[in-house]
Amino acid sequence: MTRIVSVWLMRWPIARFLKAQSRNPSPIDPVDRERPFILAADASGEPVIAAANIAAEKVGLRIGERVANARAKAEGLQVRPLDPQADEAALRRLALWAMRYSPAVSVWGKENGDDGFFLDVTGAAHLFGGEDKLLDDIAHRLQAFGLASRLALADTAGAAWALCHFHPSSAVVLKTGEESEMLKPLPMEALRLQSNTCSTLRRLGFKRVGALENQARAPFAARFEKELLTRFDQARGHAPELLDLLAPPPRYSSLRQLLEPIVTQEAILAVVKRLMEDLARQLLCHGEGARRLTLSLFRIDGEVLTVEIGTALPTREPVHVAHLVGLKLERLQIMAETGFGFESLLLIVTASERMEPHQKDLVPAFDVAVAAEHEALLLDGVSERLGRQRIKHFEPVASHLPERAEVLRTGMRKPSEWPEASNARPRPLFLLPHAEEATVLALLPEGQPQRFRWRRVTHEVAHSEGPERIADEWWRSPDSKPARDYYFVEDEKGRRFWLYRERTSEGAPRWFVHGLFA
């Protein structure tokens, strides 16, 4: 059975606003926490209360009430505009912090209140000493952040949401199979229904969730939206509820909770090495290696810093992964943002590939597999130090014409994917962006070049090889380019060129210089 934690952050917009104010205090008209304070949002052309602090609630202000009426009730009322974008962004950052408990985190949508998130802690509670201690740890840390919260743990997201909103305790753990009994005395709002649906049910005499049990489903399906029966079944575990997770659950992940916060790069890399050793055993069991990894650093103040690295070849080497993380930490200057230190580290494999075992040579000799690994290590280090976008490679393209036979791409690719050297005639190390016309002297119209003039310099040909016929692909367009006869040419000073004669049906052939050899 799955186990879901529901975290409800009471008065979340107010708490987010006050926390932002404490970080960036404004000398002009600051908010007094002890006096009534509300956040206002426009509704039907006039401002209404969207959130209120405890002092405002004590004087009788309620969410949805018009701000004009609220000013009459509370003298000196402090009013600020609601910022839903900032609230959503801050809640998402807090949900990322909650990944220290489980990588499966889902932020509530509008249908759930926009002020909390779900945690799928199936199989993870024992890491914190049990489910009760897990909730205690979450509540304690949220309280340290200045956030008031109510927590519940159950088999379903619907039951957990209902408990944290309507149970008298601020932290409750529901045993497996008790969802139906728990829901019976709760009001209809516990099913996360729309307000008009709850009002209609109350008018019909259904005031508690338990009143829906043992009732014929057809009348409810005919009169109400599908939402009613769906939410009822989801809360009791009779229908699945898919959570919109911040990130897909990783196949390979390793989490380390630290007894004392760490602040040095050496300590971080030591923990990363141990995390990768745990992942290496998991990867080895499935015959895979990591290609991309994400390291999450959880600070004491609730901030989460992430480091992403990639490798040219699948790897299981802890030392190599720690080395790449160290290069990324230096490049991003993350060590300048340690604050009071990191209390947890999470290493996730975001992409993995098949890693076939290979036999190394018994005698010292050139080993293709070892050479590829060394080349991949070099590319990994350069990309993490300078940036992945600065690494470029040539990618082959299915085309006969040399200028279209390859394209320059950004990023790394596995050396095993690079094209092998061809047994055909050699190609120049430097290919001109555009072939440049040259004047060529040949004894015969179809003969070898004897002398050519290019870029105002005359070259006497000492040696030449060719021709090599290269023609355009006939299927590309009806007006394909003329066929070319390529020659490998060396002049008297040892300079080598790649020339071609363009075959035309009319007039004398035209000559071009297309590339230079080393």
Protein backbone atom coordinates (compact mmCIF):
# COMPACT_ATOMS: atom_id res chain seq x y z
CA MET A 1 0.00 0.00 0.00
CA THR A 2 1.11 3.52 -0.70
CA ARG A 3 1.58 5.95 2.16
CA ILE A 4 0.90 9.62 1.47
CA VAL A 5 1.73 12.61 3.68
CA SER A 6 -0.43 15.72 3.28
CA VAL A 7 1.23 18.98 4.36
CA TRP A 8 -1.13 21.92 4.81
CA LEU A 9 0.55 25.30 5.32
CA MET A 10 -2.03 27.39 7.12
CA ARG A 11 -2.14 31.06 6.12
CA TRP A 12 0.51 30.33 3.49
CA PRO A 13 0.26 33.66 1.55
CA ILE A 14 0.58 35.61 4.82
CA ALA A 15 3.58 33.54 5.96
CA ARG A 16 5.26 33.86 2.56
CA PHE A 17 4.76 37.65 2.53
CA LEU A 18 6.13 38.13 6.06
CA LYS A 19 9.11 35.88 5.36
CA ALA A 20 9.93 37.86 2.21
CA GLN A 21 9.62 41.09 4.21
CA SER A 22 12.04 39.80 6.85
CA ARG A 23 14.60 38.98 4.17
CA ASN A 24 14.22 42.31 2.37
CA PRO A 25 12.87 44.79 4.95
CA SER A 26 11.22 47.87 3.48
CA PRO A 27 11.81 51.11 5.39
CA ILE A 28 8.56 52.53 3.97
CA ASP A 29 5.33 51.35 5.59
CA PRO A 30 6.47 47.95 6.97
CA VAL A 31 3.84 45.44 8.12
CA ASP A 32 3.29 45.05 11.87
CA ARG A 33 2.77 41.35 12.60
CA GLU A 34 0.81 42.06 15.81
CA ARG A 35 -1.89 44.18 14.12
CA PRO A 36 -4.65 42.94 11.76
CA PHE A 37 -3.16 42.33 8.32
CA ILE A 38 -4.80 41.02 5.13
CA LEU A 39 -3.89 40.30 1.53
CA ALA A 40 -6.46 41.51 -1.00
CA ALA A 41 -7.36 40.20 -4.46
CA ASP A 42 -9.80 41.52 -7.06
CA ALA A 43 -13.10 39.66 -7.39
CA SER A 44 -16.04 40.90 -9.47
CA GLY A 45 -14.47 44.31 -9.80
CA GLU A 46 -13.79 44.98 -6.12
CA PRO A 47 -11.07 43.84 -3.68
CA VAL A 48 -11.85 41.04 -1.27
CA ILE A 49 -9.85 39.33 1.47
CA ALA A 50 -7.70 36.51 0.08
CA ALA A 51 -5.68 35.82 3.25
CA ALA A 52 -5.63 37.13 6.84
CA ASN A 53 -3.35 36.79 9.82
CA ILE A 54 -4.43 35.63 13.29
CA ALA A 55 -5.01 39.17 14.55
CA ALA A 56 -7.37 39.87 11.64
CA GLU A 57 -9.29 36.65 12.26
CA LYS A 58 -9.73 37.56 15.95
CA VAL A 59 -11.59 40.77 15.02
CA GLY A 60 -13.98 38.80 12.81
CA LEU A 61 -12.44 39.19 9.33
CA ARG A 62 -13.03 36.25 6.98
CA ILE A 63 -11.67 35.21 3.59
CA GLY A 64 -13.94 36.38 0.77
CA GLU A 65 -15.21 39.41 2.69
CA ARG A 66 -15.04 42.79 0.96
CA VAL A 67 -12.08 44.93 1.97
CA ALA A 68 -14.37 47.95 2.44
CA ASN A 69 -16.32 46.08 5.12
CA ALA A 70 -13.10 44.83 6.69
CA ARG A 71 -11.77 48.39 7.12
CA ALA A 72 -14.94 49.29 9.02
CA LYS A 73 -14.47 46.33 11.39
CA ALA A 74 -10.74 46.78 12.05
CA GLU A 75 -9.35 50.26 12.55
CA GLY A 76 -5.88 50.71 11.10
CA LEU A 77 -6.18 47.54 8.99
CA GLN A 78 -3.00 46.74 7.04
CA VAL A 79 -3.78 45.80 3.43
CA ARG A 80 -1.35 44.54 0.80
CA PRO A 81 -2.03 43.03 -2.66
CA LEU A 82 -1.94 39.26 -3.09
CA ASP A 83 0.93 37.96 -5.26
CA PRO A 84 -0.15 34.48 -6.43
CA GLN A 85 2.90 34.06 -8.70
CA ALA A 86 5.31 34.63 -5.82
CA ASP A 87 3.25 32.32 -3.59
CA GLU A 88 3.34 29.56 -6.19
CA ALA A 89 7.08 29.92 -6.79
CA ALA A 90 7.86 29.86 -3.06
CA LEU A 91 5.64 26.81 -2.53
CA ARG A 92 7.45 25.00 -5.33
CA ARG A 93 10.82 25.79 -3.70
CA LEU A 94 9.51 24.45 -0.40
CA ALA A 95 8.30 21.29 -2.15
CA LEU A 96 11.79 20.83 -3.60
CA TRP A 97 13.14 21.08 -0.07
CA ALA A 98 10.67 18.35 0.97
CA MET A 99 12.40 15.98 -1.45
CA ARG A 100 14.84 15.37 1.40
CA TYR A 101 12.12 13.01 2.71
CA SER A 102 11.03 11.50 -0.60
CA PRO A 103 11.73 12.25 -4.28
CA ALA A 104 7.98 11.89 -5.02
CA VAL A 105 6.51 15.33 -4.18
CA SER A 106 3.35 16.85 -5.63
CA VAL A 107 2.31 20.48 -5.11
CA TRP A 108 -1.42 20.97 -4.53
CA GLY A 109 -3.35 22.37 -7.44
CA LYS A 110 -6.19 24.87 -7.30
CA GLU A 111 -8.66 22.09 -6.53
CA ASN A 112 -6.76 21.32 -3.30
CA GLY A 113 -6.13 24.84 -2.06
CA ASP A 114 -2.77 26.03 -3.44
CA ASP A 115 -1.30 26.02 0.08
CA GLY A 116 0.31 22.61 0.56
CA PHE A 117 1.78 19.52 -1.04
CA PHE A 118 1.71 15.72 -0.96
CA LEU A 119 4.65 13.43 -0.18
CA ASP A 120 4.69 9.79 -1.26
CA VAL A 121 6.75 8.24 1.55
CA THR A 122 6.06 4.60 0.69
CA GLY A 123 8.99 2.57 2.03
CA ALA A 124 10.83 5.66 3.30
CA ALA A 125 9.43 6.20 6.82
CA HIS A 126 11.85 3.74 8.43
CA LEU A 127 14.74 6.01 7.43
CA PHE A 128 13.43 8.55 9.95
CA GLY A 129 12.52 6.14 12.73
CA GLY A 130 8.92 5.46 11.75
CA GLU A 131 5.89 7.37 10.50
CA ASP A 132 5.25 9.29 13.73
CA LYS A 133 8.84 10.51 13.91
CA LEU A 134 8.73 11.40 10.23
CA LEU A 135 5.76 13.74 10.79
CA ASP A 136 7.43 15.17 13.90
CA ASP A 137 10.58 15.95 11.92
CA ILE A 138 8.63 17.67 9.13
CA ALA A 139 6.58 19.73 11.60
CA HIS A 140 9.65 20.72 13.61
CA ARG A 141 11.56 21.92 10.55
CA LEU A 142 8.58 23.83 9.13
CA GLN A 143 8.11 25.51 12.51
CA ALA A 144 11.79 26.52 12.44
CA PHE A 145 11.08 28.20 9.09
CA GLY A 146 8.26 30.17 10.71
CA LEU A 147 5.51 28.19 8.99
CA ALA A 148 2.41 26.90 10.78
CA SER A 149 1.41 23.50 9.42
CA ARG A 150 -0.95 20.57 9.87
CA LEU A 151 0.16 17.11 8.77
CA ALA A 152 -1.53 13.78 8.13
CA LEU A 153 -0.39 10.41 6.80
CA ALA A 154 -2.72 7.86 5.21
CA ASP A 155 -2.98 5.34 2.39
CA THR A 156 -4.66 7.83 0.04
CA ALA A 157 -4.07 11.47 -0.78
CA GLY A 158 -7.77 12.24 -0.23
CA ALA A 159 -7.82 10.77 3.27
CA ALA A 160 -4.58 12.53 4.22
CA TRP A 161 -5.93 15.86 2.92
CA ALA A 162 -9.16 15.43 4.89
CA LEU A 163 -7.30 14.56 8.10
CA CYS A 164 -4.94 17.52 8.04
CA HIS A 165 -7.89 19.90 7.44
CA PHE A 166 -10.55 18.50 9.79
CA HIS A 167 -8.90 16.29 12.40
CA PRO A 168 -8.47 17.96 15.82
CA SER A 169 -4.80 16.93 15.99
CA SER A 170 -2.18 18.87 14.01
CA ALA A 171 -0.27 15.67 13.14
CA VAL A 172 -2.08 12.34 12.75
CA VAL A 173 -1.15 8.95 11.30
CA LEU A 174 -4.01 6.83 9.95
CA LYS A 175 -3.54 3.08 9.90
CA THR A 176 -4.11 1.12 6.72
CA GLY A 177 -7.76 0.28 6.05
CA GLU A 178 -9.29 2.89 8.35
CA GLU A 179 -10.12 5.46 5.69
CA SER A 180 -13.87 4.79 5.54
CA GLU A 181 -14.37 4.96 9.32
CA MET A 182 -12.28 8.11 9.57
CA LEU A 183 -14.28 9.91 6.86
CA LYS A 184 -17.75 9.17 8.24
CA PRO A 185 -18.00 12.02 10.83
CA LEU A 186 -16.28 14.62 8.61
CA PRO A 187 -18.20 17.33 6.68
CA MET A 188 -18.64 17.14 2.92
CA GLU A 189 -15.82 19.68 2.43
CA ALA A 190 -13.40 16.90 3.46
CA LEU A 191 -13.90 15.32 0.01
CA ARG A 192 -12.39 18.39 -1.74
CA LEU A 193 -15.68 19.23 -3.47
CA GLN A 194 -16.70 22.55 -4.93
CA SER A 195 -18.64 24.85 -2.59
CA ASN A 196 -21.87 24.69 -4.66
CA THR A 197 -21.77 20.88 -4.58
CA CYS A 198 -21.42 20.87 -0.79
CA SER A 199 -24.30 23.36 -0.43
CA THR A 200 -26.58 21.22 -2.59
CA LEU A 201 -25.72 18.08 -0.62
CA ARG A 202 -26.50 19.81 2.67
CA ARG A 203 -29.89 20.97 1.35
CA LEU A 204 -30.63 17.35 0.47
CA GLY A 205 -29.80 16.27 4.01
CA PHE A 206 -26.28 14.90 3.39
CA LYS A 207 -24.16 16.78 5.92
CA ARG A 208 -21.49 14.16 6.69
CA VAL A 209 -19.41 11.94 4.41
CA GLY A 210 -20.77 8.85 6.14
CA ALA A 211 -24.27 9.69 4.86
CA LEU A 212 -23.15 8.81 1.33
CA GLU A 213 -22.36 5.21 2.21
CA ASN A 214 -24.90 2.51 1.35
CA GLN A 215 -26.65 4.95 -1.00
CA ALA A 216 -27.54 4.13 -4.59
CA ARG A 217 -24.89 5.67 -6.86
CA ALA A 218 -27.09 6.23 -9.92
CA PRO A 219 -29.04 9.24 -8.51
CA PHE A 220 -25.81 10.96 -7.46
CA ALA A 221 -24.23 10.31 -10.86
CA ALA A 222 -27.30 11.75 -12.60
CA ARG A 223 -27.62 14.90 -10.48
CA PHE A 224 -24.01 15.80 -9.67
CA GLU A 225 -20.81 16.10 -11.61
CA LYS A 226 -18.49 13.12 -11.79
CA GLU A 227 -16.34 14.89 -9.20
CA LEU A 228 -18.54 13.77 -6.27
CA LEU A 229 -18.29 10.00 -6.69
CA THR A 230 -14.70 10.19 -7.90
CA ARG A 231 -13.50 12.09 -4.82
CA PHE A 232 -15.55 9.81 -2.56
CA ASP A 233 -13.93 6.70 -4.05
CA GLN A 234 -10.42 8.20 -4.10
CA ALA A 235 -10.54 9.16 -0.42
CA ARG A 236 -11.54 5.60 0.58
CA GLY A 237 -8.96 3.99 -1.72
CA HIS A 238 -11.54 2.52 -4.12
CA ALA A 239 -10.26 4.56 -7.09
CA PRO A 240 -6.69 5.59 -7.98
CA GLU A 241 -5.54 9.20 -7.76
CA LEU A 242 -2.51 10.14 -9.84
CA LEU A 243 -0.33 12.83 -8.28
CA ASP A 244 1.32 15.43 -10.49
CA LEU A 245 4.88 15.01 -9.25
CA LEU A 246 7.49 17.73 -9.51
CA ALA A 247 9.77 15.23 -11.23
CA PRO A 248 9.33 11.59 -12.29
CA PRO A 249 10.34 9.18 -9.53
CA PRO A 250 13.99 8.29 -10.13
CA ARG A 251 14.96 4.71 -10.67
CA TYR A 252 18.24 5.21 -8.83
CA SER A 253 18.61 7.61 -5.91
CA SER A 254 20.60 7.82 -2.70
CA LEU A 255 19.93 10.14 0.25
CA ARG A 256 22.25 10.92 3.14
CA GLN A 257 21.02 12.66 6.32
CA LEU A 258 23.94 14.24 8.18
CA LEU A 259 24.31 14.44 11.94
CA GLU A 260 26.09 17.79 11.65
CA PRO A 261 25.83 20.37 8.83
CA ILE A 262 28.76 20.55 6.43
CA VAL A 263 30.12 23.73 4.84
CA THR A 264 33.31 22.74 3.00
CA GLN A 265 33.70 21.42 -0.52
CA GLU A 266 35.89 18.56 0.68
CA ALA A 267 33.13 17.33 3.00
CA ILE A 268 30.53 17.57 0.23
CA LEU A 269 32.66 15.57 -2.19
CA ALA A 270 33.28 12.92 0.46
CA VAL A 271 29.53 12.48 0.91
CA VAL A 272 28.99 12.48 -2.87
CA LYS A 273 31.51 9.67 -3.20
CA ARG A 274 29.63 7.57 -0.62
CA LEU A 275 26.30 8.32 -2.33
CA MET A 276 27.72 7.21 -5.69
CA GLU A 277 29.06 4.03 -4.11
CA ASP A 278 25.47 3.22 -3.08
CA LEU A 279 24.21 4.00 -6.58
CA ALA A 280 26.99 1.99 -8.21
CA ARG A 281 25.75 -1.18 -6.52
CA GLN A 282 22.21 -0.53 -7.76
CA LEU A 283 23.43 0.22 -11.29
CA LEU A 284 25.65 -2.87 -11.36
CA CYS A 285 22.70 -5.11 -10.48
CA HIS A 286 20.87 -3.90 -13.61
CA GLY A 287 23.94 -3.71 -15.88
CA GLU A 288 23.59 0.05 -16.35
CA GLY A 289 25.72 3.15 -15.89
CA ALA A 290 24.85 6.77 -15.13
CA ARG A 291 24.89 9.33 -17.94
CA ARG A 292 23.31 12.29 -16.11
CA LEU A 293 23.09 12.91 -12.37
CA THR A 294 21.56 15.60 -10.16
CA LEU A 295 22.90 16.44 -6.71
CA SER A 296 20.54 18.31 -4.36
CA LEU A 297 22.08 20.14 -1.41
CA PHE A 298 19.57 20.89 1.37
CA ARG A 299 20.48 23.91 3.48
CA ILE A 300 19.37 24.32 7.09
CA ASP A 301 17.27 27.38 6.21
CA GLY A 302 15.16 25.40 3.73
CA GLU A 303 16.90 26.46 0.50
CA VAL A 304 17.85 23.76 -1.99
CA LEU A 305 20.83 24.08 -4.34
CA THR A 306 21.12 21.68 -7.28
CA VAL A 307 24.12 20.57 -9.32
CA GLU A 308 23.65 18.70 -12.59
CA ILE A 309 26.45 16.79 -14.29
CA GLY A 310 26.69 14.61 -17.38
CA THR A 311 29.14 12.04 -18.69
CA ALA A 312 30.20 11.11 -22.20
CA LEU A 313 30.05 7.39 -21.37
CA PRO A 314 27.96 5.46 -18.80
CA THR A 315 29.85 5.36 -15.52
CA ARG A 316 29.74 3.82 -12.06
CA GLU A 317 32.95 5.42 -10.78
CA PRO A 318 32.41 7.30 -7.47
CA VAL A 319 35.76 9.13 -7.73
CA HIS A 320 34.98 10.38 -11.24
CA VAL A 321 31.49 11.57 -10.28
CA ALA A 322 32.87 13.37 -7.20
CA HIS A 323 35.51 15.02 -9.39
CA LEU A 324 32.85 16.32 -11.81
CA VAL A 325 30.75 17.63 -8.93
CA GLY A 326 33.80 19.46 -7.59
CA LEU A 327 34.41 21.12 -10.96
CA LYS A 328 30.75 22.19 -11.13
CA LEU A 329 30.81 23.58 -7.58
CA GLU A 330 33.83 25.72 -8.47
CA ARG A 331 32.31 26.90 -11.75
CA LEU A 332 28.93 27.84 -10.22
CA GLN A 333 30.56 29.22 -7.04
CA ILE A 334 28.02 27.33 -4.95
CA MET A 335 30.33 27.26 -1.94
CA ALA A 336 29.68 31.00 -1.54
CA GLU A 337 26.01 30.13 -0.79
CA THR A 338 26.47 27.56 1.98
CA GLY A 339 24.74 29.71 4.63
CA PHE A 340 24.77 27.77 7.92
CA GLY A 341 25.60 24.55 6.10
CA PHE A 342 23.97 21.60 4.35
CA GLU A 343 22.15 18.99 6.41
CA SER A 344 21.16 16.52 3.67
CA LEU A 345 22.44 15.47 0.25
CA LEU A 346 20.46 13.62 -2.41
CA LEU A 347 22.07 12.13 -5.53
CA ILE A 348 19.73 11.03 -8.33
CA VAL A 349 20.50 9.33 -11.64
CA THR A 350 18.30 11.19 -14.12
CA ALA A 351 19.51 9.23 -17.17
CA SER A 352 21.16 5.84 -17.42
CA GLU A 353 22.26 3.55 -20.25
CA ARG A 354 23.27 -0.04 -20.72
CA MET A 355 26.89 -0.56 -19.63
CA GLU A 356 28.32 -3.72 -21.11
CA PRO A 357 31.33 -5.30 -19.35
CA HIS A 358 34.49 -5.52 -21.44
CA GLN A 359 37.71 -7.52 -21.14
CA LYS A 360 40.90 -5.47 -20.86
CA ASP A 361 44.13 -6.65 -22.52
CA LEU A 362 46.46 -8.72 -20.34
CA VAL A 363 49.56 -7.14 -21.93
CA PRO A 364 50.28 -3.39 -22.21
CA ALA A 365 48.90 -2.47 -25.61
CA PHE A 366 46.44 -0.08 -27.17
CA ASP A 367 43.02 -0.90 -25.79
CA VAL A 368 40.16 0.69 -27.71
CA ALA A 369 37.75 0.45 -24.76
CA VAL A 370 40.27 2.01 -22.35
CA ALA A 371 41.07 4.77 -24.86
CA ALA A 372 37.36 5.58 -25.17
CA GLU A 373 37.06 5.78 -21.38
CA HIS A 374 40.04 8.13 -21.12
CA GLU A 375 38.61 10.28 -23.89
CA ALA A 376 35.26 10.40 -22.10
CA LEU A 377 36.95 11.41 -18.82
CA LEU A 378 38.66 14.29 -20.60
CA LEU A 379 35.41 15.47 -22.20
CA ASP A 380 33.58 15.25 -18.87
CA GLY A 381 36.15 17.40 -17.11
CA VAL A 382 36.29 20.03 -19.86
CA SER A 383 32.50 20.28 -20.13
CA GLU A 384 31.99 20.71 -16.37
CA ARG A 385 34.75 23.32 -16.11
CA LEU A 386 33.91 25.37 -19.23
CA GLY A 387 30.24 24.53 -19.76
CA ARG A 388 28.51 21.86 -21.81
CA GLN A 389 27.51 24.36 -24.51
CA ARG A 390 31.17 25.02 -25.35
CA ILE A 391 31.76 21.40 -26.34
CA LYS A 392 31.08 20.83 -30.02
CA HIS A 393 31.31 17.78 -32.25
CA PHE A 394 30.76 16.85 -35.86
CA GLU A 395 27.78 14.67 -36.62
CA PRO A 396 27.60 12.70 -39.88
CA VAL A 397 24.78 13.41 -42.33
CA ALA A 398 23.61 11.09 -45.11
CA SER A 399 24.86 13.10 -48.09
CA HIS A 400 27.42 12.57 -50.83
CA LEU A 401 28.54 16.20 -51.08
CA PRO A 402 31.37 16.97 -48.60
CA GLU A 403 29.86 20.29 -47.43
CA ARG A 404 26.68 18.46 -46.46
CA ALA A 405 28.22 15.24 -45.13
CA GLU A 406 28.59 16.51 -41.56
CA VAL A 407 27.19 19.22 -39.31
CA LEU A 408 28.59 20.87 -36.18
CA ARG A 409 26.50 20.19 -33.07
CA THR A 410 26.67 21.57 -29.54
CA GLY A 411 27.12 19.23 -26.60
CA MET A 412 28.75 15.86 -26.00
CA ARG A 413 28.07 12.52 -27.53
CA LYS A 414 29.41 9.10 -26.71
CA PRO A 415 32.72 8.33 -28.46
CA SER A 416 31.27 4.96 -29.43
CA GLU A 417 28.72 6.84 -31.56
CA TRP A 418 31.32 8.78 -33.53
CA PRO A 419 31.83 7.60 -37.12
CA GLU A 420 34.80 5.31 -37.64
CA ALA A 421 37.55 6.22 -40.07
CA SER A 422 36.63 5.24 -43.62
CA ASN A 423 38.83 3.19 -45.95
CA ALA A 424 37.97 5.53 -48.83
CA ARG A 425 40.26 8.29 -50.09
CA PRO A 426 41.42 10.80 -47.47
CA ARG A 427 39.50 13.95 -46.71
CA PRO A 428 41.06 17.35 -45.89
CA LEU A 429 41.49 18.43 -42.30
CA PHE A 430 40.13 21.90 -43.14
CA LEU A 431 37.12 22.22 -45.43
CA LEU A 432 36.44 25.72 -46.75
CA PRO A 433 32.99 27.11 -45.85
CA HIS A 434 32.40 27.63 -49.57
CA ALA A 435 34.43 26.22 -52.43
CA GLU A 436 36.55 29.02 -53.99
CA GLU A 437 37.04 29.20 -57.74
CA ALA A 438 40.58 28.75 -59.11
CA THR A 439 42.28 28.99 -62.51
CA VAL A 440 43.78 25.61 -63.45
CA LEU A 441 46.11 24.61 -66.30
CA ALA A 442 45.80 21.00 -67.50
CA LEU A 443 47.32 19.30 -70.56
CA LEU A 444 43.94 17.78 -71.42
CA PRO A 445 40.41 18.97 -70.59
CA GLU A 446 39.88 15.80 -68.55
CA GLY A 447 43.50 15.48 -67.41
CA GLN A 448 45.44 16.06 -64.21
CA PRO A 449 46.02 19.68 -63.08
CA GLN A 450 49.56 20.95 -63.79
CA ARG A 451 49.35 24.45 -62.36
CA PHE A 452 46.63 26.46 -60.61
CA ARG A 453 46.16 30.02 -59.38
CA TRP A 454 44.18 30.59 -56.21
CA ARG A 455 43.90 33.71 -54.07
CA ARG A 456 46.34 35.53 -56.37
CA VAL A 457 49.05 32.91 -55.81
CA THR A 458 50.27 30.49 -58.49
CA HIS A 459 51.07 26.94 -57.43
CA GLU A 460 53.12 24.47 -59.49
CA VAL A 461 51.74 20.96 -59.05
CA ALA A 462 54.40 18.41 -58.05
CA HIS A 463 52.08 15.50 -57.41
CA SER A 464 48.38 14.77 -57.89
CA GLU A 465 45.97 11.88 -57.38
CA GLY A 466 42.52 11.44 -58.84
CA PRO A 467 39.96 11.88 -60.04
CA GLU A 468 37.34 10.84 -57.46
CA ARG A 469 33.84 11.29 -58.85
CA ILE A 470 31.28 12.77 -56.37
CA ALA A 471 27.79 13.62 -57.56
CA ASP A 472 24.81 15.26 -55.89
CA GLU A 473 21.89 13.10 -54.69
CA TRP A 474 19.41 12.87 -57.56
CA TRP A 475 16.44 12.53 -55.20
CA ARG A 476 16.97 15.90 -53.47
CA SER A 477 15.73 18.16 -56.28
CA PRO A 478 15.28 18.06 -60.05
CA ASP A 479 17.98 20.72 -60.53
CA SER A 480 20.78 18.87 -58.72
CA LYS A 481 24.35 20.17 -58.83
CA PRO A 482 26.78 19.00 -61.56
CA ALA A 483 29.06 16.06 -60.84
CA ARG A 484 32.51 16.82 -59.47
CA ASP A 485 35.93 15.24 -60.09
CA TYR A 486 38.12 15.69 -56.98
CA TYR A 487 41.94 15.70 -57.02
CA PHE A 488 44.44 15.45 -54.18
CA VAL A 489 47.17 17.93 -55.20
CA GLU A 490 50.59 18.76 -53.71
CA ASP A 491 52.61 21.75 -54.90
CA GLU A 492 56.39 22.15 -55.04
CA LYS A 493 56.56 23.54 -51.46
CA GLY A 494 54.72 20.54 -50.00
CA ARG A 495 51.37 22.27 -49.50
CA ARG A 496 48.43 19.97 -50.22
CA PHE A 497 45.04 20.97 -51.58
CA TRP A 498 41.73 19.38 -52.45
CA LEU A 499 40.58 20.57 -55.88
CA TYR A 500 37.63 19.57 -57.97
CA ARG A 501 36.56 20.07 -61.56
CA GLU A 502 32.88 20.75 -62.04
CA ARG A 503 31.53 18.94 -65.04
CA THR A 504 29.15 21.01 -67.10
CA SER A 505 27.31 20.26 -70.31
CA GLU A 506 28.24 23.60 -71.85
CA GLY A 507 31.57 25.45 -72.06
CA ALA A 508 34.88 24.74 -70.37
CA PRO A 509 34.91 22.99 -66.95
CA ARG A 510 35.24 25.14 -63.83
CA TRP A 511 37.79 24.43 -61.08
CA PHE A 512 37.45 25.04 -57.35
CA VAL A 513 39.58 24.68 -54.22
CA HIS A 514 37.48 22.99 -51.55
CA GLY A 515 39.86 22.04 -48.73
CA LEU A 516 43.39 22.02 -47.30
CA PHE A 517 45.34 19.06 -45.93
CA ALA A 518 47.71 19.28 -42.98
